Amino acid sequence: MPQINQANCTGCGDCIARCPTGALGWQAGKAALLHPELCTYCTLCEDVCPVGAIELPFLILKRASNEEA
């Protein structure tokens, strides 16, 4: 699941607009994962975030293991 760092989120809404499934939404003026069951792990939210406030932890582990190989 995407992890959104609320302290870093600027509330620009780019990730919400880009999410093809509607998994993201607004919570207190910031992006939030409101419907995790809709998330397909496509990484578009992470890619479009201008401040790097979104990470997908499972991908970080996968990338690290690929780099070691």
PDB file of N, CA and C in Angstrom:
ATOM      1  N   MET A   1       0.829  -1.189   0.000  1.00  0.00           N
ATOM      2  CA  MET A   1       0.000   0.000   0.000  1.00  0.00           C
ATOM      3  C   MET A   1       0.872   1.250   0.000  1.00  0.00           C
ATOM      4  N   PRO A   2       0.419   2.267  -0.667  1.00  0.00           N
ATOM      5  CA  PRO A   2       1.155   3.534  -0.631  1.00  0.00           C
ATOM      6  C   PRO A   2       1.168   4.110   0.780  1.00  0.00           C
ATOM      7  N   GLN A   3       2.310   4.590   1.184  1.00  0.00           N
ATOM      8  CA  GLN A   3       2.452   5.273   2.464  1.00  0.00           C
ATOM      9  C   GLN A   3       2.606   6.757   2.153  1.00  0.00           C
ATOM     10  N   ILE A   4       1.692   7.573   2.653  1.00  0.00           N
ATOM     11  CA  ILE A   4       1.732   9.009   2.391  1.00  0.00           C
ATOM     12  C   ILE A   4       2.217   9.716   3.646  1.00  0.00           C
ATOM     13  N   ASN A   5       3.335  10.389   3.521  1.00  0.00           N
ATOM     14  CA  ASN A   5       3.897  11.149   4.629  1.00  0.00           C
ATOM     15  C   ASN A   5       3.127  12.467   4.711  1.00  0.00           C
ATOM     16  N   GLN A   6       2.214  12.554   5.663  1.00  0.00           N
ATOM     17  CA  GLN A   6       1.355  13.731   5.795  1.00  0.00           C
ATOM     18  C   GLN A   6       2.143  15.006   6.071  1.00  0.00           C
ATOM     19  N   ALA A   7       3.264  14.888   6.749  1.00  0.00           N
ATOM     20  CA  ALA A   7       4.084  16.069   7.048  1.00  0.00           C
ATOM     21  C   ALA A   7       4.703  16.650   5.781  1.00  0.00           C
ATOM     22  N   ASN A   8       5.001  15.792   4.810  1.00  0.00           N
ATOM     23  CA  ASN A   8       5.610  16.255   3.563  1.00  0.00           C
ATOM     24  C   ASN A   8       4.598  16.597   2.480  1.00  0.00           C
ATOM     25  N   CYS A   9       3.395  16.060   2.583  1.00  0.00           N
ATOM     26  CA  CYS A   9       2.362  16.303   1.575  1.00  0.00           C
ATOM     27  C   CYS A   9       1.990  17.782   1.557  1.00  0.00           C
ATOM     28  N   THR A  10       2.013  18.371   0.361  1.00  0.00           N
ATOM     29  CA  THR A  10       1.665  19.787   0.217  1.00  0.00           C
ATOM     30  C   THR A  10       0.197  19.984  -0.139  1.00  0.00           C
ATOM     31  N   GLY A  11      -0.519  18.902  -0.376  1.00  0.00           N
ATOM     32  CA  GLY A  11      -1.927  19.008  -0.729  1.00  0.00           C
ATOM     33  C   GLY A  11      -2.160  19.469  -2.155  1.00  0.00           C
ATOM     34  N   CYS A  12      -1.205  19.218  -3.041  1.00  0.00           N
ATOM     35  CA  CYS A  12      -1.343  19.672  -4.434  1.00  0.00           C
ATOM     36  C   CYS A  12      -2.424  18.899  -5.184  1.00  0.00           C
ATOM     37  N   GLY A  13      -2.673  17.652  -4.788  1.00  0.00           N
ATOM     38  CA  GLY A  13      -3.713  16.847  -5.407  1.00  0.00           C
ATOM     39  C   GLY A  13      -3.300  16.100  -6.660  1.00  0.00           C
ATOM     40  N   ASP A  14      -2.038  16.192  -7.044  1.00  0.00           N
ATOM     41  CA  ASP A  14      -1.578  15.503  -8.254  1.00  0.00           C
ATOM     42  C   ASP A  14      -1.798  13.998  -8.161  1.00  0.00           C
ATOM     43  N   CYS A  15      -1.502  13.423  -7.017  1.00  0.00           N
ATOM     44  CA  CYS A  15      -1.642  11.975  -6.851  1.00  0.00           C
ATOM     45  C   CYS A  15      -3.107  11.546  -6.914  1.00  0.00           C
ATOM     46  N   ILE A  16      -3.970  12.340  -6.323  1.00  0.00           N
ATOM     47  CA  ILE A  16      -5.399  12.027  -6.330  1.00  0.00           C
ATOM     48  C   ILE A  16      -5.937  12.077  -7.752  1.00  0.00           C
ATOM     49  N   ALA A  17      -5.525  13.086  -8.500  1.00  0.00           N
ATOM     50  CA  ALA A  17      -5.969  13.226  -9.885  1.00  0.00           C
ATOM     51  C   ALA A  17      -5.430  12.101 -10.764  1.00  0.00           C
ATOM     52  N   ARG A  18      -4.250  11.607 -10.462  1.00  0.00           N
ATOM     53  CA  ARG A  18      -3.590  10.596 -11.301  1.00  0.00           C
ATOM     54  C   ARG A  18      -4.004   9.171 -10.973  1.00  0.00           C
ATOM     55  N   CYS A  19      -4.497   8.934  -9.777  1.00  0.00           N
ATOM     56  CA  CYS A  19      -4.868   7.572  -9.368  1.00  0.00           C
ATOM     57  C   CYS A  19      -6.002   7.042 -10.251  1.00  0.00           C
ATOM     58  N   PRO A  20      -5.743   5.974 -11.017  1.00  0.00           N
ATOM     59  CA  PRO A  20      -6.756   5.485 -11.952  1.00  0.00           C
ATOM     60  C   PRO A  20      -7.916   4.744 -11.295  1.00  0.00           C
ATOM     61  N   THR A  21      -7.766   4.358 -10.035  1.00  0.00           N
ATOM     62  CA  THR A  21      -8.809   3.567  -9.384  1.00  0.00           C
ATOM     63  C   THR A  21      -9.607   4.332  -8.340  1.00  0.00           C
ATOM     64  N   GLY A  22      -9.176   5.541  -8.005  1.00  0.00           N
ATOM     65  CA  GLY A  22      -9.874   6.311  -6.984  1.00  0.00           C
ATOM     66  C   GLY A  22      -9.545   5.873  -5.568  1.00  0.00           C
ATOM     67  N   ALA A  23      -8.406   5.229  -5.391  1.00  0.00           N
ATOM     68  CA  ALA A  23      -8.012   4.767  -4.058  1.00  0.00           C
ATOM     69  C   ALA A  23      -7.623   5.922  -3.142  1.00  0.00           C
ATOM     70  N   LEU A  24      -7.134   7.010  -3.733  1.00  0.00           N
ATOM     71  CA  LEU A  24      -6.705   8.166  -2.945  1.00  0.00           C
ATOM     72  C   LEU A  24      -7.801   9.215  -2.883  1.00  0.00           C
ATOM     73  N   GLY A  25      -7.784   9.983  -1.806  1.00  0.00           N
ATOM     74  CA  GLY A  25      -8.750  11.063  -1.644  1.00  0.00           C
ATOM     75  C   GLY A  25      -8.213  12.086  -0.663  1.00  0.00           C
ATOM     76  N   TRP A  26      -9.077  13.014  -0.298  1.00  0.00           N
ATOM     77  CA  TRP A  26      -8.683  14.106   0.601  1.00  0.00           C
ATOM     78  C   TRP A  26      -9.017  13.780   2.046  1.00  0.00           C
ATOM     79  N   GLN A  27      -8.098  14.139   2.933  1.00  0.00           N
ATOM     80  CA  GLN A  27      -8.334  14.029   4.372  1.00  0.00           C
ATOM     81  C   GLN A  27      -7.595  15.192   5.028  1.00  0.00           C
ATOM     82  N   ALA A  28      -8.348  16.109   5.590  1.00  0.00           N
ATOM     83  CA  ALA A  28      -7.783  17.296   6.250  1.00  0.00           C
ATOM     84  C   ALA A  28      -6.862  18.082   5.314  1.00  0.00           C
ATOM     85  N   GLY A  29      -7.271  18.192   4.045  1.00  0.00           N
ATOM     86  CA  GLY A  29      -6.514  18.989   3.080  1.00  0.00           C
ATOM     87  C   GLY A  29      -5.264  18.339   2.529  1.00  0.00           C
ATOM     88  N   LYS A  30      -5.084  17.069   2.823  1.00  0.00           N
ATOM     89  CA  LYS A  30      -3.912  16.326   2.346  1.00  0.00           C
ATOM     90  C   LYS A  30      -4.378  15.037   1.681  1.00  0.00           C
ATOM     91  N   ALA A  31      -3.498  14.467   0.858  1.00  0.00           N
ATOM     92  CA  ALA A  31      -3.811  13.198   0.211  1.00  0.00           C
ATOM     93  C   ALA A  31      -3.805  12.078   1.244  1.00  0.00           C
ATOM     94  N   ALA A  32      -4.712  11.126   1.047  1.00  0.00           N
ATOM     95  CA  ALA A  32      -4.790   9.980   1.945  1.00  0.00           C
ATOM     96  C   ALA A  32      -5.286   8.769   1.169  1.00  0.00           C
ATOM     97  N   LEU A  33      -4.875   7.600   1.601  1.00  0.00           N
ATOM     98  CA  LEU A  33      -5.348   6.355   1.009  1.00  0.00           C
ATOM     99  C   LEU A  33      -6.688   6.022   1.660  1.00  0.00           C
ATOM    100  N   LEU A  34      -7.767   6.392   1.009  1.00  0.00           N
ATOM    101  CA  LEU A  34      -9.101   6.211   1.580  1.00  0.00           C
ATOM    102  C   LEU A  34      -9.711   4.850   1.252  1.00  0.00           C
ATOM    103  N   HIS A  35      -9.300   4.274   0.125  1.00  0.00           N
ATOM    104  CA  HIS A  35      -9.870   2.996  -0.317  1.00  0.00           C
ATOM    105  C   HIS A  35      -8.747   2.027  -0.690  1.00  0.00           C
ATOM    106  N   PRO A  36      -8.046   1.488   0.310  1.00  0.00           N
ATOM    107  CA  PRO A  36      -6.901   0.617   0.018  1.00  0.00           C
ATOM    108  C   PRO A  36      -7.259  -0.600  -0.826  1.00  0.00           C
ATOM    109  N   GLU A  37      -8.487  -1.046  -0.722  1.00  0.00           N
ATOM    110  CA  GLU A  37      -8.904  -2.211  -1.503  1.00  0.00           C
ATOM    111  C   GLU A  37      -8.899  -1.933  -3.006  1.00  0.00           C
ATOM    112  N   LEU A  38      -8.901  -0.655  -3.389  1.00  0.00           N
ATOM    113  CA  LEU A  38      -8.878  -0.288  -4.808  1.00  0.00           C
ATOM    114  C   LEU A  38      -7.463  -0.134  -5.365  1.00  0.00           C
ATOM    115  N   CYS A  39      -6.473  -0.075  -4.494  1.00  0.00           N
ATOM    116  CA  CYS A  39      -5.089   0.153  -4.925  1.00  0.00           C
ATOM    117  C   CYS A  39      -4.574  -1.052  -5.707  1.00  0.00           C
ATOM    118  N   THR A  40      -3.977  -0.778  -6.880  1.00  0.00           N
ATOM    119  CA  THR A  40      -3.410  -1.838  -7.719  1.00  0.00           C
ATOM    120  C   THR A  40      -1.881  -1.806  -7.727  1.00  0.00           C
ATOM    121  N   TYR A  41      -1.279  -0.986  -6.869  1.00  0.00           N
ATOM    122  CA  TYR A  41       0.182  -0.882  -6.773  1.00  0.00           C
ATOM    123  C   TYR A  41       0.815  -0.425  -8.090  1.00  0.00           C
ATOM    124  N   CYS A  42       0.133   0.433  -8.813  1.00  0.00           N
ATOM    125  CA  CYS A  42       0.628   0.870 -10.125  1.00  0.00           C
ATOM    126  C   CYS A  42       1.787   1.860 -10.028  1.00  0.00           C
ATOM    127  N   THR A  43       1.990   2.481  -8.900  1.00  0.00           N
ATOM    128  CA  THR A  43       3.056   3.455  -8.592  1.00  0.00           C
ATOM    129  C   THR A  43       2.852   4.830  -9.221  1.00  0.00           C
ATOM    130  N   LEU A  44       1.727   5.070  -9.872  1.00  0.00           N
ATOM    131  CA  LEU A  44       1.507   6.378 -10.493  1.00  0.00           C
ATOM    132  C   LEU A  44       1.468   7.493  -9.459  1.00  0.00           C
ATOM    133  N   CYS A  45       0.900   7.228  -8.297  1.00  0.00           N
ATOM    134  CA  CYS A  45       0.843   8.256  -7.250  1.00  0.00           C
ATOM    135  C   CYS A  45       2.249   8.627  -6.788  1.00  0.00           C
ATOM    136  N   GLU A  46       3.082   7.624  -6.604  1.00  0.00           N
ATOM    137  CA  GLU A  46       4.465   7.853  -6.185  1.00  0.00           C
ATOM    138  C   GLU A  46       5.226   8.626  -7.265  1.00  0.00           C
ATOM    139  N   ASP A  47       5.029   8.251  -8.511  1.00  0.00           N
ATOM    140  CA  ASP A  47       5.740   8.879  -9.626  1.00  0.00           C
ATOM    141  C   ASP A  47       5.382  10.348  -9.799  1.00  0.00           C
ATOM    142  N   VAL A  48       4.126  10.701  -9.557  1.00  0.00           N
ATOM    143  CA  VAL A  48       3.663  12.062  -9.831  1.00  0.00           C
ATOM    144  C   VAL A  48       3.855  13.017  -8.652  1.00  0.00           C
ATOM    145  N   CYS A  49       4.120  12.520  -7.461  1.00  0.00           N
ATOM    146  CA  CYS A  49       4.258  13.387  -6.284  1.00  0.00           C
ATOM    147  C   CYS A  49       5.496  14.274  -6.410  1.00  0.00           C
ATOM    148  N   PRO A  50       5.304  15.597  -6.438  1.00  0.00           N
ATOM    149  CA  PRO A  50       6.439  16.499  -6.651  1.00  0.00           C
ATOM    150  C   PRO A  50       7.375  16.631  -5.452  1.00  0.00           C
ATOM    151  N   VAL A  51       6.929  16.187  -4.282  1.00  0.00           N
ATOM    152  CA  VAL A  51       7.771  16.326  -3.085  1.00  0.00           C
ATOM    153  C   VAL A  51       8.205  14.983  -2.494  1.00  0.00           C
ATOM    154  N   GLY A  52       7.889  13.894  -3.163  1.00  0.00           N
ATOM    155  CA  GLY A  52       8.302  12.579  -2.679  1.00  0.00           C
ATOM    156  C   GLY A  52       7.627  12.142  -1.398  1.00  0.00           C
ATOM    157  N   ALA A  53       6.388  12.570  -1.201  1.00  0.00           N
ATOM    158  CA  ALA A  53       5.678  12.239   0.036  1.00  0.00           C
ATOM    159  C   ALA A  53       5.052  10.848   0.013  1.00  0.00           C
ATOM    160  N   ILE A  54       5.101  10.180  -1.133  1.00  0.00           N
ATOM    161  CA  ILE A  54       4.470   8.866  -1.256  1.00  0.00           C
ATOM    162  C   ILE A  54       5.526   7.812  -1.552  1.00  0.00           C
ATOM    163  N   GLU A  55       5.456   6.728  -0.800  1.00  0.00           N
ATOM    164  CA  GLU A  55       6.337   5.590  -1.029  1.00  0.00           C
ATOM    165  C   GLU A  55       5.511   4.319  -0.996  1.00  0.00           C
ATOM    166  N   LEU A  56       5.921   3.372  -1.775  1.00  0.00           N
ATOM    167  CA  LEU A  56       5.324   2.048  -1.737  1.00  0.00           C
ATOM    168  C   LEU A  56       6.374   1.105  -1.164  1.00  0.00           C
ATOM    169  N   PRO A  57       6.297   0.792   0.135  1.00  0.00           N
ATOM    170  CA  PRO A  57       7.348   0.029   0.824  1.00  0.00           C
ATOM    171  C   PRO A  57       7.709  -1.295   0.166  1.00  0.00           C
ATOM    172  N   PHE A  58       6.734  -2.013  -0.374  1.00  0.00           N
ATOM    173  CA  PHE A  58       7.058  -3.301  -0.984  1.00  0.00           C
ATOM    174  C   PHE A  58       7.946  -3.108  -2.199  1.00  0.00           C
ATOM    175  N   LEU A  59       7.802  -2.001  -2.899  1.00  0.00           N
ATOM    176  CA  LEU A  59       8.649  -1.736  -4.061  1.00  0.00           C
ATOM    177  C   LEU A  59      10.061  -1.361  -3.647  1.00  0.00           C
ATOM    178  N   ILE A  60      10.192  -0.687  -2.522  1.00  0.00           N
ATOM    179  CA  ILE A  60      11.523  -0.338  -2.025  1.00  0.00           C
ATOM    180  C   ILE A  60      12.301  -1.620  -1.738  1.00  0.00           C
ATOM    181  N   LEU A  61      11.657  -2.588  -1.107  1.00  0.00           N
ATOM    182  CA  LEU A  61      12.311  -3.863  -0.814  1.00  0.00           C
ATOM    183  C   LEU A  61      12.653  -4.606  -2.097  1.00  0.00           C
ATOM    184  N   LYS A  62      11.731  -4.592  -3.054  1.00  0.00           N
ATOM    185  CA  LYS A  62      11.959  -5.280  -4.321  1.00  0.00           C
ATOM    186  C   LYS A  62      13.115  -4.631  -5.079  1.00  0.00           C
ATOM    187  N   ARG A  63      13.146  -3.297  -5.123  1.00  0.00           N
ATOM    188  CA  ARG A  63      14.223  -2.596  -5.813  1.00  0.00           C
ATOM    189  C   ARG A  63      15.568  -2.901  -5.171  1.00  0.00           C
ATOM    190  N   ALA A  64      15.610  -2.925  -3.852  1.00  0.00           N
ATOM    191  CA  ALA A  64      16.855  -3.205  -3.141  1.00  0.00           C
ATOM    192  C   ALA A  64      17.340  -4.614  -3.450  1.00  0.00           C
ATOM    193  N   SER A  65      16.446  -5.578  -3.492  1.00  0.00           N
ATOM    194  CA  SER A  65      16.861  -6.946  -3.764  1.00  0.00           C
ATOM    195  C   SER A  65      17.299  -7.100  -5.215  1.00  0.00           C
ATOM    196  N   ASN A  66      16.697  -6.361  -6.142  1.00  0.00           N
ATOM    197  CA  ASN A  66      17.115  -6.405  -7.541  1.00  0.00           C
ATOM    198  C   ASN A  66      18.497  -5.792  -7.719  1.00  0.00           C
ATOM    199  N   GLU A  67      18.797  -4.757  -6.956  1.00  0.00           N
ATOM    200  CA  GLU A  67      20.100  -4.107  -7.048  1.00  0.00           C
ATOM    201  C   GLU A  67      21.206  -5.005  -6.514  1.00  0.00           C
ATOM    202  N   GLU A  68      20.878  -5.859  -5.544  1.00  0.00           N
ATOM    203  CA  GLU A  68      21.867  -6.764  -4.965  1.00  0.00           C
ATOM    204  C   GLU A  68      22.179  -7.925  -5.901  1.00  0.00           C
ATOM    205  N   ALA A  69      21.236  -8.263  -6.758  1.00  0.00           N
ATOM    206  CA  ALA A  69      21.395  -9.425  -7.653  1.00  0.00           C
ATOM    207  C   ALA A  69      22.386  -9.169  -8.764  1.00  0.00           C
TER     208      ALA A  69
END
